[in-house]
Amino acid sequence: GVRVVRAMPNTPALVGCGASAVAPGASASEHDVRWAVEVLASVGTVEVTSEAQLDAVTGLSGSGPAYVFLVAEALIAAGTAEGLPTEVADGLVRETIRGAGELLVRSARAPAALRADVTSRGGTTERGISVLEQEGLREAFAAAVAAATRRSLELGRA
């Protein structure tokens, strides 16, 4: 059979921070997989998954940067709605996302624990998180990943 290793990189690979996955086909050799991992590791991290999981990878990390960019857009708009100049809101959001991402990558702690560190009982963050939970943020992300995964499956059959 044809030796195939499917790959799903994402756009942060453009700055060396990609999160990619490779999925070896039935005829792929260990050498083929190592080669694919080595190539993608030059622009970020790489996970080896099954072919059956690659559509979920597409929905999660392939599309994931766009989800984060949408969060950034929403936060910038919210900051300007509260009176911040656009340039100030933009700069604060960019650095907040970069810093939070770096903290998440460098820490061995779970995201929930890192969130808890910022969330004081009765404080501003607790209030904001409460609204996000009430408005269905988790469900919206789950639905987005599921929809993108389904679309990846559809495109794979086309």
N, C-alpha and C. Protein backbone atom coordinates (compact mmCIF):
# COMPACT_ATOMS: atom_id res chain seq x y z
N GLY A 1 0.80 -1.19 0.00
CA GLY A 1 0.00 0.00 0.00
C GLY A 1 0.85 1.26 0.00
N VAL A 2 0.20 2.33 -0.26
CA VAL A 2 0.85 3.64 -0.26
C VAL A 2 1.14 4.06 1.18
N ARG A 3 2.36 4.54 1.40
CA ARG A 3 2.77 4.98 2.74
C ARG A 3 2.33 6.43 2.92
N VAL A 4 1.36 6.63 3.83
CA VAL A 4 0.79 7.95 4.05
C VAL A 4 0.85 8.29 5.53
N VAL A 5 1.26 9.51 5.82
CA VAL A 5 1.16 10.07 7.17
C VAL A 5 0.39 11.37 7.02
N ARG A 6 -0.83 11.40 7.53
CA ARG A 6 -1.63 12.63 7.47
C ARG A 6 -1.16 13.56 8.58
N ALA A 7 -1.23 14.85 8.31
CA ALA A 7 -0.79 15.84 9.29
C ALA A 7 -1.79 16.98 9.38
N MET A 8 -1.93 17.52 10.58
CA MET A 8 -2.76 18.71 10.79
C MET A 8 -1.96 19.71 11.59
N PRO A 9 -1.30 20.65 10.91
CA PRO A 9 -0.62 21.74 11.62
C PRO A 9 -1.62 22.86 11.91
N ASN A 10 -1.17 23.91 12.56
CA ASN A 10 -2.03 25.09 12.70
C ASN A 10 -1.20 26.35 12.47
N THR A 11 -1.87 27.48 12.33
CA THR A 11 -1.19 28.71 11.91
C THR A 11 -0.13 29.23 12.88
N PRO A 12 -0.18 28.97 14.19
CA PRO A 12 0.93 29.42 15.03
C PRO A 12 2.28 28.81 14.64
N ALA A 13 2.27 27.80 13.77
CA ALA A 13 3.53 27.28 13.23
C ALA A 13 4.31 28.38 12.52
N LEU A 14 3.61 29.39 12.03
CA LEU A 14 4.27 30.51 11.36
C LEU A 14 5.24 31.24 12.27
N VAL A 15 5.03 31.15 13.59
CA VAL A 15 5.93 31.80 14.55
C VAL A 15 6.61 30.77 15.46
N GLY A 16 6.68 29.52 15.00
CA GLY A 16 7.37 28.48 15.75
C GLY A 16 6.62 27.94 16.94
N CYS A 17 5.33 28.22 17.02
CA CYS A 17 4.52 27.79 18.17
C CYS A 17 3.34 26.93 17.74
N GLY A 18 3.51 26.17 16.67
CA GLY A 18 2.43 25.33 16.18
C GLY A 18 2.10 24.18 17.11
N ALA A 19 0.88 23.71 17.02
CA ALA A 19 0.44 22.49 17.70
C ALA A 19 -0.09 21.60 16.60
N SER A 20 0.72 20.61 16.22
CA SER A 20 0.38 19.75 15.09
C SER A 20 0.12 18.33 15.56
N ALA A 21 -0.56 17.58 14.72
CA ALA A 21 -0.74 16.16 14.96
C ALA A 21 -0.45 15.43 13.66
N VAL A 22 0.11 14.24 13.80
CA VAL A 22 0.32 13.37 12.65
C VAL A 22 -0.39 12.05 12.92
N ALA A 23 -0.90 11.46 11.85
CA ALA A 23 -1.62 10.19 11.95
C ALA A 23 -1.09 9.25 10.88
N PRO A 24 -0.40 8.19 11.31
CA PRO A 24 0.14 7.26 10.32
C PRO A 24 -0.95 6.41 9.68
N GLY A 25 -0.86 6.26 8.36
CA GLY A 25 -1.75 5.35 7.66
C GLY A 25 -1.31 3.91 7.90
N ALA A 26 -2.11 2.98 7.45
CA ALA A 26 -1.85 1.55 7.70
C ALA A 26 -0.50 1.09 7.16
N SER A 27 -0.03 1.66 6.06
CA SER A 27 1.23 1.22 5.45
C SER A 27 2.43 2.08 5.84
N ALA A 28 2.22 3.10 6.67
CA ALA A 28 3.32 3.98 7.06
C ALA A 28 4.29 3.24 7.97
N SER A 29 5.57 3.48 7.75
CA SER A 29 6.60 2.87 8.59
C SER A 29 6.90 3.78 9.78
N GLU A 30 7.62 3.23 10.76
CA GLU A 30 8.05 4.05 11.89
C GLU A 30 8.93 5.19 11.40
N HIS A 31 9.75 4.91 10.40
CA HIS A 31 10.60 5.95 9.81
C HIS A 31 9.76 7.08 9.22
N ASP A 32 8.68 6.73 8.54
CA ASP A 32 7.79 7.74 7.95
C ASP A 32 7.22 8.64 9.04
N VAL A 33 6.79 8.03 10.13
CA VAL A 33 6.20 8.80 11.24
C VAL A 33 7.26 9.69 11.87
N ARG A 34 8.45 9.13 12.13
CA ARG A 34 9.54 9.93 12.73
C ARG A 34 9.88 11.13 11.84
N TRP A 35 9.93 10.91 10.53
CA TRP A 35 10.24 11.99 9.59
C TRP A 35 9.18 13.09 9.67
N ALA A 36 7.90 12.70 9.65
CA ALA A 36 6.82 13.69 9.73
C ALA A 36 6.87 14.46 11.04
N VAL A 37 7.12 13.75 12.13
CA VAL A 37 7.22 14.41 13.44
C VAL A 37 8.39 15.38 13.44
N GLU A 38 9.52 14.97 12.90
CA GLU A 38 10.71 15.82 12.86
C GLU A 38 10.45 17.11 12.07
N VAL A 39 9.81 16.98 10.93
CA VAL A 39 9.51 18.16 10.11
C VAL A 39 8.61 19.13 10.87
N LEU A 40 7.52 18.63 11.44
CA LEU A 40 6.58 19.51 12.13
C LEU A 40 7.12 20.01 13.46
N ALA A 41 8.01 19.25 14.10
CA ALA A 41 8.60 19.69 15.36
C ALA A 41 9.48 20.93 15.16
N SER A 42 9.89 21.17 13.92
CA SER A 42 10.71 22.36 13.65
C SER A 42 9.89 23.65 13.78
N VAL A 43 8.56 23.53 13.83
CA VAL A 43 7.70 24.71 13.95
C VAL A 43 6.73 24.62 15.13
N GLY A 44 7.02 23.73 16.09
CA GLY A 44 6.16 23.62 17.27
C GLY A 44 6.13 22.22 17.83
N THR A 45 5.05 21.92 18.54
CA THR A 45 4.90 20.61 19.16
C THR A 45 4.10 19.69 18.24
N VAL A 46 4.28 18.39 18.45
CA VAL A 46 3.61 17.40 17.60
C VAL A 46 3.08 16.26 18.47
N GLU A 47 1.85 15.88 18.21
CA GLU A 47 1.24 14.70 18.83
C GLU A 47 1.03 13.66 17.74
N VAL A 48 1.23 12.39 18.08
CA VAL A 48 0.92 11.31 17.16
C VAL A 48 -0.45 10.77 17.55
N THR A 49 -1.37 10.75 16.60
CA THR A 49 -2.73 10.28 16.86
C THR A 49 -3.09 9.21 15.84
N SER A 50 -4.26 8.65 16.00
CA SER A 50 -4.77 7.73 14.99
C SER A 50 -5.44 8.54 13.89
N GLU A 51 -5.62 7.92 12.73
CA GLU A 51 -6.33 8.60 11.65
C GLU A 51 -7.76 8.95 12.08
N ALA A 52 -8.37 8.09 12.89
CA ALA A 52 -9.74 8.33 13.35
C ALA A 52 -9.83 9.58 14.23
N GLN A 53 -8.73 9.97 14.86
CA GLN A 53 -8.73 11.14 15.74
C GLN A 53 -8.37 12.44 15.02
N LEU A 54 -7.88 12.35 13.80
CA LEU A 54 -7.36 13.54 13.14
C LEU A 54 -8.44 14.58 12.83
N ASP A 55 -9.66 14.16 12.59
CA ASP A 55 -10.72 15.15 12.37
C ASP A 55 -11.01 15.94 13.65
N ALA A 56 -10.95 15.27 14.80
CA ALA A 56 -11.12 15.98 16.08
C ALA A 56 -9.96 16.93 16.32
N VAL A 57 -8.75 16.52 15.93
CA VAL A 57 -7.59 17.42 16.03
C VAL A 57 -7.85 18.67 15.18
N THR A 58 -8.39 18.47 13.99
CA THR A 58 -8.70 19.59 13.11
C THR A 58 -9.68 20.54 13.77
N GLY A 59 -10.74 20.00 14.37
CA GLY A 59 -11.74 20.82 15.04
C GLY A 59 -11.22 21.54 16.25
N LEU A 60 -10.24 20.93 16.94
CA LEU A 60 -9.70 21.52 18.16
C LEU A 60 -8.53 22.46 17.89
N SER A 61 -7.43 21.91 17.40
CA SER A 61 -6.23 22.75 17.26
C SER A 61 -6.04 23.31 15.86
N GLY A 62 -6.59 22.66 14.85
CA GLY A 62 -6.52 23.24 13.51
C GLY A 62 -7.31 24.53 13.44
N SER A 63 -8.52 24.49 13.97
CA SER A 63 -9.38 25.68 14.02
C SER A 63 -9.16 26.51 15.27
N GLY A 64 -8.50 25.94 16.26
CA GLY A 64 -8.33 26.58 17.57
C GLY A 64 -7.78 28.00 17.55
N PRO A 65 -6.76 28.30 16.72
CA PRO A 65 -6.28 29.68 16.71
C PRO A 65 -7.38 30.69 16.37
N ALA A 66 -8.27 30.33 15.45
CA ALA A 66 -9.37 31.25 15.11
C ALA A 66 -10.28 31.47 16.31
N TYR A 67 -10.48 30.43 17.13
CA TYR A 67 -11.31 30.60 18.33
C TYR A 67 -10.66 31.60 19.28
N VAL A 68 -9.34 31.48 19.44
CA VAL A 68 -8.62 32.41 20.33
C VAL A 68 -8.66 33.82 19.76
N PHE A 69 -8.52 33.95 18.44
CA PHE A 69 -8.58 35.28 17.83
C PHE A 69 -9.97 35.90 18.01
N LEU A 70 -11.00 35.08 17.95
CA LEU A 70 -12.36 35.58 18.20
C LEU A 70 -12.50 36.04 19.64
N VAL A 71 -11.92 35.30 20.58
CA VAL A 71 -11.93 35.73 21.98
C VAL A 71 -11.22 37.07 22.10
N ALA A 72 -10.09 37.22 21.42
CA ALA A 72 -9.36 38.49 21.44
C ALA A 72 -10.22 39.62 20.90
N GLU A 73 -10.89 39.39 19.77
CA GLU A 73 -11.78 40.40 19.20
C GLU A 73 -12.84 40.82 20.21
N ALA A 74 -13.45 39.83 20.85
CA ALA A 74 -14.52 40.11 21.81
C ALA A 74 -14.00 40.88 23.01
N LEU A 75 -12.83 40.51 23.51
CA LEU A 75 -12.26 41.21 24.67
C LEU A 75 -11.88 42.65 24.31
N ILE A 76 -11.31 42.85 23.14
CA ILE A 76 -10.96 44.22 22.72
C ILE A 76 -12.23 45.06 22.63
N ALA A 77 -13.27 44.52 22.02
CA ALA A 77 -14.54 45.25 21.91
C ALA A 77 -15.11 45.54 23.29
N ALA A 78 -15.01 44.58 24.21
CA ALA A 78 -15.53 44.79 25.57
C ALA A 78 -14.74 45.87 26.29
N GLY A 79 -13.42 45.86 26.10
CA GLY A 79 -12.59 46.90 26.73
C GLY A 79 -12.91 48.29 26.21
N THR A 80 -13.11 48.39 24.90
CA THR A 80 -13.46 49.70 24.34
C THR A 80 -14.85 50.13 24.79
N ALA A 81 -15.76 49.17 24.94
CA ALA A 81 -17.11 49.50 25.43
C ALA A 81 -17.07 50.03 26.85
N GLU A 82 -16.04 49.64 27.60
CA GLU A 82 -15.88 50.13 28.97
C GLU A 82 -15.03 51.40 29.03
N GLY A 83 -14.70 51.97 27.87
CA GLY A 83 -14.04 53.27 27.85
C GLY A 83 -12.56 53.28 27.52
N LEU A 84 -11.96 52.13 27.29
CA LEU A 84 -10.54 52.11 26.94
C LEU A 84 -10.36 52.48 25.47
N PRO A 85 -9.30 53.23 25.15
CA PRO A 85 -8.98 53.45 23.74
C PRO A 85 -8.68 52.11 23.07
N THR A 86 -9.03 51.99 21.81
CA THR A 86 -8.85 50.73 21.09
C THR A 86 -7.42 50.23 21.16
N GLU A 87 -6.45 51.14 20.99
CA GLU A 87 -5.04 50.73 21.01
C GLU A 87 -4.65 50.15 22.36
N VAL A 88 -5.16 50.74 23.43
CA VAL A 88 -4.86 50.26 24.78
C VAL A 88 -5.50 48.89 24.99
N ALA A 89 -6.77 48.76 24.65
CA ALA A 89 -7.46 47.48 24.80
C ALA A 89 -6.77 46.40 23.97
N ASP A 90 -6.42 46.74 22.74
CA ASP A 90 -5.74 45.79 21.85
C ASP A 90 -4.43 45.31 22.47
N GLY A 91 -3.61 46.23 22.92
CA GLY A 91 -2.32 45.86 23.52
C GLY A 91 -2.48 45.02 24.78
N LEU A 92 -3.42 45.40 25.63
CA LEU A 92 -3.65 44.64 26.85
C LEU A 92 -4.14 43.22 26.55
N VAL A 93 -5.04 43.10 25.60
CA VAL A 93 -5.57 41.78 25.25
C VAL A 93 -4.49 40.90 24.63
N ARG A 94 -3.71 41.45 23.72
CA ARG A 94 -2.64 40.66 23.10
C ARG A 94 -1.67 40.12 24.15
N GLU A 95 -1.25 40.98 25.06
CA GLU A 95 -0.29 40.56 26.08
C GLU A 95 -0.93 39.64 27.12
N THR A 96 -2.20 39.86 27.42
CA THR A 96 -2.89 38.98 28.36
C THR A 96 -2.99 37.57 27.79
N ILE A 97 -3.35 37.46 26.52
CA ILE A 97 -3.45 36.14 25.89
C ILE A 97 -2.07 35.50 25.77
N ARG A 98 -1.08 36.28 25.38
CA ARG A 98 0.28 35.73 25.28
C ARG A 98 0.77 35.26 26.64
N GLY A 99 0.58 36.09 27.66
CA GLY A 99 1.05 35.74 28.99
C GLY A 99 0.32 34.54 29.57
N ALA A 100 -0.99 34.51 29.41
CA ALA A 100 -1.77 33.37 29.91
C ALA A 100 -1.37 32.09 29.17
N GLY A 101 -1.17 32.19 27.88
CA GLY A 101 -0.74 31.03 27.11
C GLY A 101 0.62 30.53 27.54
N GLU A 102 1.54 31.45 27.76
CA GLU A 102 2.88 31.07 28.20
C GLU A 102 2.84 30.44 29.59
N LEU A 103 2.04 31.01 30.48
CA LEU A 103 1.87 30.44 31.82
C LEU A 103 1.30 29.03 31.72
N LEU A 104 0.33 28.83 30.87
CA LEU A 104 -0.28 27.51 30.69
C LEU A 104 0.75 26.51 30.16
N VAL A 105 1.57 26.92 29.21
CA VAL A 105 2.57 26.03 28.62
C VAL A 105 3.68 25.70 29.63
N ARG A 106 4.13 26.68 30.38
CA ARG A 106 5.25 26.47 31.30
C ARG A 106 4.86 25.76 32.59
N SER A 107 3.60 25.85 32.96
CA SER A 107 3.15 25.27 34.22
C SER A 107 2.71 23.82 34.01
N ALA A 108 2.97 23.01 35.02
CA ALA A 108 2.47 21.63 34.99
C ALA A 108 1.06 21.55 35.58
N ARG A 109 0.57 22.68 36.06
CA ARG A 109 -0.74 22.70 36.71
C ARG A 109 -1.86 22.71 35.69
N ALA A 110 -2.99 22.18 36.10
CA ALA A 110 -4.17 22.12 35.23
C ALA A 110 -4.70 23.53 34.97
N PRO A 111 -5.32 23.74 33.80
CA PRO A 111 -5.91 25.05 33.52
C PRO A 111 -6.87 25.51 34.61
N ALA A 112 -7.65 24.60 35.17
CA ALA A 112 -8.60 24.98 36.23
C ALA A 112 -7.87 25.53 37.45
N ALA A 113 -6.71 24.96 37.77
CA ALA A 113 -5.94 25.45 38.92
C ALA A 113 -5.37 26.84 38.64
N LEU A 114 -4.89 27.05 37.43
CA LEU A 114 -4.38 28.37 37.07
C LEU A 114 -5.50 29.41 37.11
N ARG A 115 -6.67 29.03 36.62
CA ARG A 115 -7.83 29.93 36.67
C ARG A 115 -8.17 30.24 38.12
N ALA A 116 -8.15 29.24 38.98
CA ALA A 116 -8.49 29.44 40.39
C ALA A 116 -7.51 30.42 41.05
N ASP A 117 -6.25 30.41 40.62
CA ASP A 117 -5.26 31.34 41.18
C ASP A 117 -5.64 32.80 40.94
N VAL A 118 -6.33 33.06 39.85
CA VAL A 118 -6.70 34.43 39.48
C VAL A 118 -8.06 34.81 40.07
N THR A 119 -8.82 33.82 40.49
CA THR A 119 -10.22 34.02 40.87
C THR A 119 -10.38 34.11 42.38
N SER A 120 -10.43 35.33 42.88
CA SER A 120 -10.64 35.55 44.32
C SER A 120 -12.12 35.44 44.64
N ARG A 121 -12.41 34.80 45.75
CA ARG A 121 -13.81 34.65 46.17
C ARG A 121 -14.43 36.04 46.35
N GLY A 122 -15.55 36.25 45.66
CA GLY A 122 -16.25 37.53 45.75
C GLY A 122 -15.62 38.65 44.95
N GLY A 123 -14.59 38.32 44.16
CA GLY A 123 -13.87 39.36 43.43
C GLY A 123 -14.36 39.57 42.00
N THR A 124 -13.62 40.39 41.30
CA THR A 124 -14.00 40.77 39.94
C THR A 124 -13.93 39.60 38.97
N THR A 125 -12.87 38.81 39.09
CA THR A 125 -12.72 37.67 38.17
C THR A 125 -13.82 36.65 38.40
N GLU A 126 -14.14 36.38 39.65
CA GLU A 126 -15.22 35.44 39.95
C GLU A 126 -16.53 35.91 39.31
N ARG A 127 -16.79 37.20 39.39
CA ARG A 127 -18.01 37.75 38.79
C ARG A 127 -17.99 37.56 37.28
N GLY A 128 -16.87 37.88 36.65
CA GLY A 128 -16.77 37.73 35.19
C GLY A 128 -16.88 36.27 34.75
N ILE A 129 -16.21 35.37 35.45
CA ILE A 129 -16.27 33.94 35.13
C ILE A 129 -17.70 33.44 35.29
N SER A 130 -18.37 33.90 36.32
CA SER A 130 -19.75 33.49 36.56
C SER A 130 -20.64 33.85 35.35
N VAL A 131 -20.45 35.03 34.82
CA VAL A 131 -21.23 35.45 33.65
C VAL A 131 -20.89 34.57 32.44
N LEU A 132 -19.60 34.31 32.22
CA LEU A 132 -19.21 33.46 31.09
C LEU A 132 -19.82 32.06 31.22
N GLU A 133 -19.82 31.52 32.43
CA GLU A 133 -20.43 30.19 32.65
C GLU A 133 -21.94 30.25 32.41
N GLN A 134 -22.59 31.27 32.95
CA GLN A 134 -24.05 31.41 32.78
C GLN A 134 -24.43 31.59 31.31
N GLU A 135 -23.59 32.26 30.57
CA GLU A 135 -23.86 32.52 29.15
C GLU A 135 -23.51 31.33 28.25
N GLY A 136 -22.97 30.27 28.85
CA GLY A 136 -22.72 29.05 28.09
C GLY A 136 -21.42 28.99 27.31
N LEU A 137 -20.38 29.62 27.84
CA LEU A 137 -19.10 29.63 27.12
C LEU A 137 -18.59 28.21 26.85
N ARG A 138 -18.61 27.35 27.85
CA ARG A 138 -18.11 25.98 27.66
C ARG A 138 -18.89 25.26 26.57
N GLU A 139 -20.21 25.41 26.63
CA GLU A 139 -21.06 24.75 25.64
C GLU A 139 -20.81 25.30 24.24
N ALA A 140 -20.56 26.60 24.15
CA ALA A 140 -20.28 27.21 22.85
C ALA A 140 -18.98 26.66 22.27
N PHE A 141 -17.95 26.53 23.10
CA PHE A 141 -16.69 25.95 22.62
C PHE A 141 -16.87 24.50 22.22
N ALA A 142 -17.61 23.74 23.02
CA ALA A 142 -17.85 22.33 22.69
C ALA A 142 -18.59 22.21 21.36
N ALA A 143 -19.58 23.05 21.16
CA ALA A 143 -20.35 23.02 19.91
C ALA A 143 -19.48 23.43 18.72
N ALA A 144 -18.61 24.40 18.92
CA ALA A 144 -17.72 24.84 17.84
C ALA A 144 -16.76 23.73 17.43
N VAL A 145 -16.14 23.09 18.41
CA VAL A 145 -15.20 22.00 18.11
C VAL A 145 -15.94 20.84 17.44
N ALA A 146 -17.13 20.51 17.93
CA ALA A 146 -17.91 19.43 17.32
C ALA A 146 -18.29 19.77 15.88
N ALA A 147 -18.71 21.00 15.64
CA ALA A 147 -19.10 21.41 14.28
C ALA A 147 -17.90 21.38 13.34
N ALA A 148 -16.76 21.86 13.80
CA ALA A 148 -15.56 21.86 12.96
C ALA A 148 -15.09 20.43 12.70
N THR A 149 -15.21 19.57 13.71
CA THR A 149 -14.85 18.16 13.54
C THR A 149 -15.75 17.50 12.50
N ARG A 150 -17.04 17.73 12.60
CA ARG A 150 -17.99 17.18 11.61
C ARG A 150 -17.66 17.69 10.20
N ARG A 151 -17.34 18.97 10.10
CA ARG A 151 -17.01 19.54 8.79
C ARG A 151 -15.74 18.91 8.22
N SER A 152 -14.77 18.65 9.08
CA SER A 152 -13.55 17.98 8.64
C SER A 152 -13.87 16.59 8.10
N LEU A 153 -14.75 15.88 8.79
CA LEU A 153 -15.19 14.56 8.31
C LEU A 153 -15.87 14.68 6.94
N GLU A 154 -16.75 15.67 6.79
CA GLU A 154 -17.45 15.89 5.51
C GLU A 154 -16.45 16.18 4.39
N LEU A 155 -15.50 17.04 4.67
CA LEU A 155 -14.51 17.41 3.65
C LEU A 155 -13.64 16.21 3.28
N GLY A 156 -13.38 15.35 4.26
CA GLY A 156 -12.57 14.15 4.00
C GLY A 156 -13.27 13.16 3.10
N ARG A 157 -14.59 13.19 3.10
CA ARG A 157 -15.37 12.28 2.25
C ARG A 157 -15.60 12.86 0.86
N ALA A 158 -15.40 14.18 0.73
CA ALA A 158 -15.71 14.85 -0.55
C ALA A 158 -14.69 14.52 -1.63
